Amino acid sequence: MTTVTANDVRVLARSRDVDPVLAVVDGVVVVIPEAQLKEGDVALCTQQKLVRELGDEISDIEAQLFAGRLTNLFTE
């Protein structure tokens, strides 16, 4: 089972890539530029969406809760 962690959310929030996205690539959760997504990869969340929902400063609790939401959405 693929699990998104609070650390994954924090890495997305701090990424300086162009249009970063949290994605599942070959069963592994990674942060990559959206342009690098390939067929079969699953985009979970963009940095823009993350900032829109949680703001610029993300607490540990917010990161954990958001990670749980993303994990649930991916496994449904």
Protein backbone atom coordinates (compact mmCIF):
# COMPACT_ATOMS: atom_id res chain seq x y z
CA MET A 1 0.00 0.00 0.00
CA THR A 2 1.28 3.45 -0.90
CA THR A 3 1.26 5.93 1.97
CA VAL A 4 1.78 9.67 1.74
CA THR A 5 3.70 11.01 4.75
CA ALA A 6 3.77 14.41 6.39
CA ASN A 7 7.35 14.69 5.15
CA ASP A 8 6.16 14.20 1.55
CA VAL A 9 3.76 17.11 2.04
CA ARG A 10 6.52 19.31 3.49
CA VAL A 11 8.85 18.44 0.57
CA LEU A 12 6.12 19.49 -1.87
CA ALA A 13 5.55 22.73 0.03
CA ARG A 14 9.27 23.63 -0.08
CA SER A 15 10.02 22.44 -3.61
CA ARG A 16 11.59 24.98 -5.94
CA ASP A 17 10.86 22.91 -9.06
CA VAL A 18 8.75 24.46 -11.80
CA ASP A 19 5.13 23.41 -11.15
CA PRO A 20 5.98 20.69 -8.60
CA VAL A 21 3.55 17.87 -8.03
CA LEU A 22 3.36 15.10 -5.45
CA ALA A 23 2.96 11.93 -7.46
CA VAL A 24 3.16 8.16 -7.28
CA VAL A 25 5.77 6.95 -9.76
CA ASP A 26 6.41 3.20 -9.93
CA GLY A 27 4.74 2.78 -6.53
CA VAL A 28 6.89 5.44 -4.82
CA VAL A 29 5.67 8.84 -3.63
CA VAL A 30 7.90 11.58 -5.10
CA VAL A 31 7.90 15.30 -5.82
CA ILE A 32 8.68 16.05 -9.45
CA PRO A 33 7.96 18.84 -11.95
CA GLU A 34 4.52 18.32 -13.46
CA ALA A 35 6.08 18.23 -16.95
CA GLN A 36 7.93 15.01 -16.00
CA LEU A 37 4.76 13.02 -15.32
CA LYS A 38 4.44 10.03 -17.60
CA GLU A 39 1.59 7.75 -18.51
CA GLY A 40 0.84 5.53 -15.54
CA ASP A 41 2.09 8.05 -12.96
CA VAL A 42 -0.55 9.32 -10.55
CA ALA A 43 -0.55 13.01 -9.61
CA LEU A 44 -1.79 13.41 -6.05
CA CYS A 45 -1.47 17.15 -5.45
CA THR A 46 0.18 20.21 -6.93
CA GLN A 47 2.09 22.76 -4.88
CA GLN A 48 -0.46 25.39 -5.94
CA LYS A 49 -3.34 23.33 -4.54
CA LEU A 50 -1.43 22.67 -1.33
CA VAL A 51 -0.75 26.38 -0.77
CA ARG A 52 -4.34 27.26 -1.69
CA GLU A 53 -5.70 24.82 0.91
CA LEU A 54 -3.16 25.21 3.74
CA GLY A 55 -1.38 28.51 3.10
CA ASP A 56 2.34 29.24 2.97
CA GLU A 57 3.16 28.00 6.48
CA ILE A 58 2.20 24.39 7.16
CA SER A 59 2.22 23.02 10.70
CA ASP A 60 3.17 19.43 11.47
CA ILE A 61 -0.45 18.60 12.30
CA GLU A 62 -1.69 20.10 9.02
CA ALA A 63 0.95 18.14 7.08
CA GLN A 64 -0.06 14.90 8.81
CA LEU A 65 -3.77 15.45 8.20
CA PHE A 66 -3.24 16.44 4.56
CA ALA A 67 -1.01 13.39 4.01
CA GLY A 68 -3.74 11.18 5.45
CA ARG A 69 -6.31 12.72 3.09
CA LEU A 70 -4.07 12.14 0.07
CA THR A 71 -3.39 8.55 1.12
CA ASN A 72 -7.12 7.89 1.49
CA LEU A 73 -7.89 9.45 -1.89
CA PHE A 74 -5.19 7.37 -3.57
CA THR A 75 -6.27 4.06 -2.04
CA GLU A 76 -10.01 4.50 -2.72
